[in-house]
Amino acid sequence: ASSPSGSATRTARAVDWRSERSRPGFELPSEAAQALLAALGERHPPTWEHARATAEWGRRLAVAMASSPEETAFVELCAALHDIGTLLTPRVILLKSGPLTPAETAIVREHAGAGRRILERTPALARCAPVVGAHHERYDGRGYPDGLAGIDIPFAARVVAVADAFHAMISDRPYRKALPPRAALEILRAGRGTQWDPDVVDAMLGFYRGAGAAEGSSARKASSA
């Protein structure tokens, strides 16, 4: 990806990656991550906001699954970078206000593999490459790009997949309104063990039954405060 402009870098640093309701702001661990995400924000701000929110949900799920602090930080970093491959997606598709055609959908699906290749070439972030490349795999093996299944999908990618899907569902999109959190949770429940890792889905459901219930009314702003 090309180097981001100074204004994009200032934008990325000006907005805390973390909710003010949680622990102090998440510091991206490398200038490479900051630069890539600043470029993403410059190119398509809604994707940058989604990346920020997915990172927060990924962290929450990792904590709920009793991950170590190191593993939690890794999940959070990979979640922040999960859509970095859209830097190579044509802007006309990213900015389209209606549903995508089958051909456009095929192009969008290339972002997982593109993100993996970008990170493989970025030494400071190469450890995230397999996770970013696998975040659209399905637990039943019917996902993309490689058709991985079950525990062959990296753990962090299985967490990011649920965080990504949940935030996407509770967010407004050009072609549909946001779903209520309860409806999004039911979709996750229906895909438990087929599209998503059942343990990760259970963690999301448990989170909402517990600590997350108090935030249900503002879930759409999960990491945007």
C-alpha atoms as a PDB file:
ATOM      1  CA  ALA A   1       0.000   0.000   0.000  1.00  0.00           C
ATOM      2  CA  SER A   2       1.151   3.528  -0.599  1.00  0.00           C
ATOM      3  CA  SER A   3       2.232   5.698   2.309  1.00  0.00           C
ATOM      4  CA  PRO A   4      -0.700   7.466   4.005  1.00  0.00           C
ATOM      5  CA  SER A   5      -0.960  11.200   4.013  1.00  0.00           C
ATOM      6  CA  GLY A   6      -0.082  13.168   7.127  1.00  0.00           C
ATOM      7  CA  SER A   7      -3.730  14.090   7.629  1.00  0.00           C
ATOM      8  CA  ALA A   8      -4.728  10.420   7.617  1.00  0.00           C
ATOM      9  CA  THR A   9      -2.087   9.611  10.216  1.00  0.00           C
ATOM     10  CA  ARG A  10      -3.324  12.450  12.422  1.00  0.00           C
ATOM     11  CA  THR A  11      -6.891  11.195  12.035  1.00  0.00           C
ATOM     12  CA  ALA A  12      -5.961   7.668  13.049  1.00  0.00           C
ATOM     13  CA  ARG A  13      -4.061   8.864  16.110  1.00  0.00           C
ATOM     14  CA  ALA A  14      -6.671  11.418  17.143  1.00  0.00           C
ATOM     15  CA  VAL A  15      -9.406   8.844  17.719  1.00  0.00           C
ATOM     16  CA  ASP A  16      -8.811   6.348  20.506  1.00  0.00           C
ATOM     17  CA  TRP A  17      -9.100   2.772  19.274  1.00  0.00           C
ATOM     18  CA  ARG A  18     -10.844   1.778  22.445  1.00  0.00           C
ATOM     19  CA  SER A  19     -14.069   2.607  24.194  1.00  0.00           C
ATOM     20  CA  GLU A  20     -13.722   5.127  27.001  1.00  0.00           C
ATOM     21  CA  ARG A  21     -15.735   2.652  29.070  1.00  0.00           C
ATOM     22  CA  SER A  22     -12.914   0.080  28.960  1.00  0.00           C
ATOM     23  CA  ARG A  23      -9.269   0.118  29.968  1.00  0.00           C
ATOM     24  CA  PRO A  24      -6.990   2.877  28.633  1.00  0.00           C
ATOM     25  CA  GLY A  25      -6.629   3.202  24.876  1.00  0.00           C
ATOM     26  CA  PHE A  26      -5.197   0.376  22.828  1.00  0.00           C
ATOM     27  CA  GLU A  27      -1.815   1.373  21.428  1.00  0.00           C
ATOM     28  CA  LEU A  28      -1.084  -0.130  18.025  1.00  0.00           C
ATOM     29  CA  PRO A  29       2.234  -1.925  18.540  1.00  0.00           C
ATOM     30  CA  SER A  30       4.043  -0.730  15.448  1.00  0.00           C
ATOM     31  CA  GLU A  31       4.299   2.177  13.076  1.00  0.00           C
ATOM     32  CA  ALA A  32       3.463  -0.297  10.310  1.00  0.00           C
ATOM     33  CA  ALA A  33       0.038  -1.001  11.807  1.00  0.00           C
ATOM     34  CA  GLN A  34      -0.589   2.702  12.351  1.00  0.00           C
ATOM     35  CA  ALA A  35       0.386   3.498   8.768  1.00  0.00           C
ATOM     36  CA  LEU A  36      -1.763   0.764   7.233  1.00  0.00           C
ATOM     37  CA  LEU A  37      -4.811   1.710   9.275  1.00  0.00           C
ATOM     38  CA  ALA A  38      -4.313   5.399   8.560  1.00  0.00           C
ATOM     39  CA  ALA A  39      -4.282   4.545   4.847  1.00  0.00           C
ATOM     40  CA  LEU A  40      -7.465   2.535   5.329  1.00  0.00           C
ATOM     41  CA  GLY A  41      -9.141   5.466   7.084  1.00  0.00           C
ATOM     42  CA  GLU A  42      -8.095   7.838   4.329  1.00  0.00           C
ATOM     43  CA  ARG A  43      -9.469   5.542   1.642  1.00  0.00           C
ATOM     44  CA  HIS A  44     -12.737   4.428   3.243  1.00  0.00           C
ATOM     45  CA  PRO A  45     -13.571   5.771   6.736  1.00  0.00           C
ATOM     46  CA  PRO A  46     -16.481   3.346   7.365  1.00  0.00           C
ATOM     47  CA  THR A  47     -14.120   0.378   6.981  1.00  0.00           C
ATOM     48  CA  TRP A  48     -11.698   1.995   9.417  1.00  0.00           C
ATOM     49  CA  GLU A  49     -14.508   2.490  11.956  1.00  0.00           C
ATOM     50  CA  HIS A  50     -15.553  -1.134  11.466  1.00  0.00           C
ATOM     51  CA  ALA A  51     -11.954  -2.260  12.022  1.00  0.00           C
ATOM     52  CA  ARG A  52     -11.815  -0.300  15.264  1.00  0.00           C
ATOM     53  CA  ALA A  53     -15.081  -1.785  16.515  1.00  0.00           C
ATOM     54  CA  THR A  54     -14.120  -5.312  15.478  1.00  0.00           C
ATOM     55  CA  ALA A  55     -10.873  -4.945  17.430  1.00  0.00           C
ATOM     56  CA  GLU A  56     -12.848  -4.052  20.551  1.00  0.00           C
ATOM     57  CA  TRP A  57     -15.281  -6.950  20.149  1.00  0.00           C
ATOM     58  CA  GLY A  58     -12.366  -9.289  19.456  1.00  0.00           C
ATOM     59  CA  ARG A  59     -10.718  -8.197  22.681  1.00  0.00           C
ATOM     60  CA  ARG A  60     -13.914  -8.707  24.644  1.00  0.00           C
ATOM     61  CA  LEU A  61     -14.412 -12.188  23.238  1.00  0.00           C
ATOM     62  CA  ALA A  62     -10.794 -13.177  23.895  1.00  0.00           C
ATOM     63  CA  VAL A  63     -11.126 -12.027  27.508  1.00  0.00           C
ATOM     64  CA  ALA A  64     -14.430 -13.895  27.861  1.00  0.00           C
ATOM     65  CA  MET A  65     -12.686 -17.058  26.632  1.00  0.00           C
ATOM     66  CA  ALA A  66      -9.972 -16.700  29.290  1.00  0.00           C
ATOM     67  CA  SER A  67      -7.201 -15.970  26.803  1.00  0.00           C
ATOM     68  CA  SER A  68      -3.864 -14.818  28.150  1.00  0.00           C
ATOM     69  CA  PRO A  69      -3.071 -11.100  27.974  1.00  0.00           C
ATOM     70  CA  GLU A  70      -0.636 -11.808  25.147  1.00  0.00           C
ATOM     71  CA  GLU A  71      -3.163 -13.808  23.155  1.00  0.00           C
ATOM     72  CA  THR A  72      -5.842 -11.187  23.788  1.00  0.00           C
ATOM     73  CA  ALA A  73      -3.558  -8.447  22.463  1.00  0.00           C
ATOM     74  CA  PHE A  74      -2.793 -10.577  19.410  1.00  0.00           C
ATOM     75  CA  VAL A  75      -6.494 -11.144  18.683  1.00  0.00           C
ATOM     76  CA  GLU A  76      -7.136  -7.432  19.054  1.00  0.00           C
ATOM     77  CA  LEU A  77      -4.327  -6.514  16.656  1.00  0.00           C
ATOM     78  CA  CYS A  78      -5.450  -9.042  14.047  1.00  0.00           C
ATOM     79  CA  ALA A  79      -9.035  -7.837  14.369  1.00  0.00           C
ATOM     80  CA  ALA A  80      -7.914  -4.253  13.791  1.00  0.00           C
ATOM     81  CA  LEU A  81      -6.150  -5.363  10.611  1.00  0.00           C
ATOM     82  CA  HIS A  82      -8.707  -7.895   9.377  1.00  0.00           C
ATOM     83  CA  ASP A  83      -9.979  -5.782   6.463  1.00  0.00           C
ATOM     84  CA  ILE A  84      -6.638  -4.277   5.467  1.00  0.00           C
ATOM     85  CA  GLY A  85      -6.897  -6.126   2.158  1.00  0.00           C
ATOM     86  CA  THR A  86      -9.645  -3.710   1.107  1.00  0.00           C
ATOM     87  CA  LEU A  87      -6.821  -1.272   0.381  1.00  0.00           C
ATOM     88  CA  LEU A  88      -6.672  -3.195  -2.912  1.00  0.00           C
ATOM     89  CA  THR A  89     -10.440  -3.304  -3.481  1.00  0.00           C
ATOM     90  CA  PRO A  90     -11.634  -0.811  -6.128  1.00  0.00           C
ATOM     91  CA  ARG A  91     -13.108   2.267  -4.444  1.00  0.00           C
ATOM     92  CA  VAL A  92     -16.094   2.200  -6.790  1.00  0.00           C
ATOM     93  CA  ILE A  93     -17.102  -1.070  -5.117  1.00  0.00           C
ATOM     94  CA  LEU A  94     -16.383   0.140  -1.584  1.00  0.00           C
ATOM     95  CA  LEU A  95     -18.491   3.250  -2.202  1.00  0.00           C
ATOM     96  CA  LYS A  96     -21.383   1.512  -3.932  1.00  0.00           C
ATOM     97  CA  SER A  97     -24.695   2.427  -2.278  1.00  0.00           C
ATOM     98  CA  GLY A  98     -26.638  -0.712  -3.213  1.00  0.00           C
ATOM     99  CA  PRO A  99     -26.197  -4.493  -3.139  1.00  0.00           C
ATOM    100  CA  LEU A 100     -23.187  -5.891  -4.964  1.00  0.00           C
ATOM    101  CA  THR A 101     -23.411  -7.926  -8.141  1.00  0.00           C
ATOM    102  CA  PRO A 102     -22.008 -11.481  -8.100  1.00  0.00           C
ATOM    103  CA  ALA A 103     -18.909 -10.236  -9.939  1.00  0.00           C
ATOM    104  CA  GLU A 104     -18.401  -7.432  -7.421  1.00  0.00           C
ATOM    105  CA  THR A 105     -18.892  -9.858  -4.540  1.00  0.00           C
ATOM    106  CA  ALA A 106     -16.164 -12.066  -5.973  1.00  0.00           C
ATOM    107  CA  ILE A 107     -13.824  -9.069  -6.078  1.00  0.00           C
ATOM    108  CA  VAL A 108     -14.641  -8.113  -2.475  1.00  0.00           C
ATOM    109  CA  ARG A 109     -13.917 -11.680  -1.374  1.00  0.00           C
ATOM    110  CA  GLU A 110     -10.357 -11.243  -2.573  1.00  0.00           C
ATOM    111  CA  HIS A 111      -9.659  -8.922   0.368  1.00  0.00           C
ATOM    112  CA  ALA A 112      -8.883 -11.765   2.776  1.00  0.00           C
ATOM    113  CA  GLY A 113      -6.099 -13.136   0.596  1.00  0.00           C
ATOM    114  CA  ALA A 114      -4.934  -9.626  -0.263  1.00  0.00           C
ATOM    115  CA  GLY A 115      -4.693  -8.746   3.429  1.00  0.00           C
ATOM    116  CA  ARG A 116      -2.671 -11.864   4.087  1.00  0.00           C
ATOM    117  CA  ARG A 117      -0.212 -10.959   1.314  1.00  0.00           C
ATOM    118  CA  ILE A 118       0.144  -7.367   2.555  1.00  0.00           C
ATOM    119  CA  LEU A 119       0.954  -8.562   6.070  1.00  0.00           C
ATOM    120  CA  GLU A 120       3.303 -11.320   4.888  1.00  0.00           C
ATOM    121  CA  ARG A 121       5.374  -8.543   3.310  1.00  0.00           C
ATOM    122  CA  THR A 122       5.299  -6.434   6.481  1.00  0.00           C
ATOM    123  CA  PRO A 123       7.772  -8.033   8.931  1.00  0.00           C
ATOM    124  CA  ALA A 124       6.368  -6.326  12.040  1.00  0.00           C
ATOM    125  CA  LEU A 125       2.887  -7.702  11.283  1.00  0.00           C
ATOM    126  CA  ALA A 126       3.616 -10.986   9.496  1.00  0.00           C
ATOM    127  CA  ARG A 127       2.331 -13.054  12.426  1.00  0.00           C
ATOM    128  CA  CYS A 128      -1.147 -11.670  11.743  1.00  0.00           C
ATOM    129  CA  ALA A 129      -1.110 -12.777   8.096  1.00  0.00           C
ATOM    130  CA  PRO A 130      -2.604 -16.280   8.625  1.00  0.00           C
ATOM    131  CA  VAL A 131      -5.353 -14.845  10.832  1.00  0.00           C
ATOM    132  CA  VAL A 132      -6.329 -12.063   8.447  1.00  0.00           C
ATOM    133  CA  GLY A 133      -6.255 -14.514   5.559  1.00  0.00           C
ATOM    134  CA  ALA A 134      -8.604 -16.898   7.381  1.00  0.00           C
ATOM    135  CA  HIS A 135     -11.185 -14.557   8.918  1.00  0.00           C
ATOM    136  CA  HIS A 136     -13.808 -15.523   6.313  1.00  0.00           C
ATOM    137  CA  GLU A 137     -13.293 -19.253   6.651  1.00  0.00           C
ATOM    138  CA  ARG A 138     -16.266 -21.179   8.015  1.00  0.00           C
ATOM    139  CA  TYR A 139     -16.190 -23.735  10.795  1.00  0.00           C
ATOM    140  CA  ASP A 140     -17.817 -26.285   8.446  1.00  0.00           C
ATOM    141  CA  GLY A 141     -15.158 -25.765   5.761  1.00  0.00           C
ATOM    142  CA  ARG A 142     -17.375 -23.880   3.307  1.00  0.00           C
ATOM    143  CA  GLY A 143     -15.697 -20.498   3.694  1.00  0.00           C
ATOM    144  CA  TYR A 144     -12.975 -18.771   1.716  1.00  0.00           C
ATOM    145  CA  PRO A 145     -10.288 -18.424   0.502  1.00  0.00           C
ATOM    146  CA  ASP A 146      -8.875 -21.856   1.424  1.00  0.00           C
ATOM    147  CA  GLY A 147     -11.832 -23.891   2.682  1.00  0.00           C
ATOM    148  CA  LEU A 148     -10.284 -24.454   6.113  1.00  0.00           C
ATOM    149  CA  ALA A 149     -12.487 -26.076   8.763  1.00  0.00           C
ATOM    150  CA  GLY A 150     -12.695 -26.423  12.527  1.00  0.00           C
ATOM    151  CA  ILE A 151      -9.472 -26.111  14.451  1.00  0.00           C
ATOM    152  CA  ASP A 152      -7.485 -25.855  11.212  1.00  0.00           C
ATOM    153  CA  ILE A 153      -8.678 -22.244  11.247  1.00  0.00           C
ATOM    154  CA  PRO A 154      -6.393 -20.254  13.578  1.00  0.00           C
ATOM    155  CA  PHE A 155      -8.042 -19.527  16.933  1.00  0.00           C
ATOM    156  CA  ALA A 156      -7.636 -15.768  16.509  1.00  0.00           C
ATOM    157  CA  ALA A 157      -9.336 -15.964  13.097  1.00  0.00           C
ATOM    158  CA  ARG A 158     -12.291 -17.813  14.624  1.00  0.00           C
ATOM    159  CA  VAL A 159     -12.652 -15.040  17.198  1.00  0.00           C
ATOM    160  CA  VAL A 160     -12.284 -12.292  14.610  1.00  0.00           C
ATOM    161  CA  ALA A 161     -14.921 -13.970  12.419  1.00  0.00           C
ATOM    162  CA  VAL A 162     -17.552 -13.661  15.142  1.00  0.00           C
ATOM    163  CA  ALA A 163     -16.510 -10.133  16.130  1.00  0.00           C
ATOM    164  CA  ASP A 164     -16.528  -9.049  12.484  1.00  0.00           C
ATOM    165  CA  ALA A 165     -19.922 -10.580  11.715  1.00  0.00           C
ATOM    166  CA  PHE A 166     -21.570  -9.251  14.859  1.00  0.00           C
ATOM    167  CA  HIS A 167     -20.433  -5.672  14.384  1.00  0.00           C
ATOM    168  CA  ALA A 168     -21.322  -5.776  10.680  1.00  0.00           C
ATOM    169  CA  MET A 169     -24.839  -6.942  11.524  1.00  0.00           C
ATOM    170  CA  ILE A 170     -25.500  -4.247  14.135  1.00  0.00           C
ATOM    171  CA  SER A 171     -24.171  -1.486  11.859  1.00  0.00           C
ATOM    172  CA  ASP A 172     -25.977   0.454   9.141  1.00  0.00           C
ATOM    173  CA  ARG A 173     -24.916  -0.473   5.629  1.00  0.00           C
ATOM    174  CA  PRO A 174     -25.741   1.375   2.379  1.00  0.00           C
ATOM    175  CA  TYR A 175     -28.153  -1.396   1.384  1.00  0.00           C
ATOM    176  CA  ARG A 176     -29.757  -2.152   4.774  1.00  0.00           C
ATOM    177  CA  LYS A 177     -30.380  -0.802   8.258  1.00  0.00           C
ATOM    178  CA  ALA A 178     -28.597  -2.151  11.301  1.00  0.00           C
ATOM    179  CA  LEU A 179     -30.072  -5.192  13.002  1.00  0.00           C
ATOM    180  CA  PRO A 180     -30.944  -5.016  16.700  1.00  0.00           C
ATOM    181  CA  PRO A 181     -28.300  -6.805  18.791  1.00  0.00           C
ATOM    182  CA  ARG A 182     -30.819  -9.477  19.788  1.00  0.00           C
ATOM    183  CA  ALA A 183     -31.461 -10.331  16.119  1.00  0.00           C
ATOM    184  CA  ALA A 184     -27.731 -10.440  15.393  1.00  0.00           C
ATOM    185  CA  LEU A 185     -27.202 -12.805  18.321  1.00  0.00           C
ATOM    186  CA  GLU A 186     -29.904 -15.113  16.978  1.00  0.00           C
ATOM    187  CA  ILE A 187     -28.121 -15.252  13.618  1.00  0.00           C
ATOM    188  CA  LEU A 188     -24.894 -16.139  15.399  1.00  0.00           C
ATOM    189  CA  ARG A 189     -26.745 -18.824  17.346  1.00  0.00           C
ATOM    190  CA  ALA A 190     -28.187 -20.245  14.119  1.00  0.00           C
ATOM    191  CA  GLY A 191     -24.693 -20.414  12.596  1.00  0.00           C
ATOM    192  CA  ARG A 192     -23.114 -21.965  15.671  1.00  0.00           C
ATOM    193  CA  GLY A 193     -20.992 -24.928  14.587  1.00  0.00           C
ATOM    194  CA  THR A 194     -21.553 -24.321  10.867  1.00  0.00           C
ATOM    195  CA  GLN A 195     -20.409 -20.809   9.995  1.00  0.00           C
ATOM    196  CA  TRP A 196     -18.758 -19.990  13.317  1.00  0.00           C
ATOM    197  CA  ASP A 197     -16.847 -21.772  16.067  1.00  0.00           C
ATOM    198  CA  PRO A 198     -19.472 -22.824  18.622  1.00  0.00           C
ATOM    199  CA  ASP A 199     -17.237 -21.911  21.552  1.00  0.00           C
ATOM    200  CA  VAL A 200     -16.745 -18.369  20.268  1.00  0.00           C
ATOM    201  CA  VAL A 201     -20.464 -17.949  19.620  1.00  0.00           C
ATOM    202  CA  ASP A 202     -21.163 -19.212  23.130  1.00  0.00           C
ATOM    203  CA  ALA A 203     -18.724 -16.630  24.473  1.00  0.00           C
ATOM    204  CA  MET A 204     -20.594 -13.852  22.658  1.00  0.00           C
ATOM    205  CA  LEU A 205     -23.946 -15.107  23.892  1.00  0.00           C
ATOM    206  CA  GLY A 206     -22.579 -15.412  27.412  1.00  0.00           C
ATOM    207  CA  PHE A 207     -21.042 -11.973  27.228  1.00  0.00           C
ATOM    208  CA  TYR A 208     -24.402 -10.467  26.367  1.00  0.00           C
ATOM    209  CA  ARG A 209     -26.157 -12.408  29.096  1.00  0.00           C
ATOM    210  CA  GLY A 210     -23.593 -11.097  31.563  1.00  0.00           C
ATOM    211  CA  ALA A 211     -21.541  -7.946  31.426  1.00  0.00           C
ATOM    212  CA  GLY A 212     -22.684  -7.054  27.932  1.00  0.00           C
ATOM    213  CA  ALA A 213     -26.361  -6.942  28.853  1.00  0.00           C
ATOM    214  CA  ALA A 214     -25.929  -3.582  30.537  1.00  0.00           C
ATOM    215  CA  GLU A 215     -24.639  -2.177  27.272  1.00  0.00           C
ATOM    216  CA  GLY A 216     -27.310  -3.678  25.033  1.00  0.00           C
ATOM    217  CA  SER A 217     -28.961  -0.377  24.306  1.00  0.00           C
ATOM    218  CA  SER A 218     -25.698   1.083  23.008  1.00  0.00           C
ATOM    219  CA  ALA A 219     -24.133  -2.013  21.421  1.00  0.00           C
ATOM    220  CA  ARG A 220     -24.017  -0.360  18.031  1.00  0.00           C
ATOM    221  CA  LYS A 221     -21.452   2.037  19.445  1.00  0.00           C
ATOM    222  CA  ALA A 222     -19.423  -0.720  21.054  1.00  0.00           C
ATOM    223  CA  SER A 223     -16.051   0.866  20.434  1.00  0.00           C
ATOM    224  CA  SER A 224     -16.993   4.186  18.915  1.00  0.00           C
ATOM    225  CA  ALA A 225     -17.437   6.224  22.099  1.00  0.00           C
END
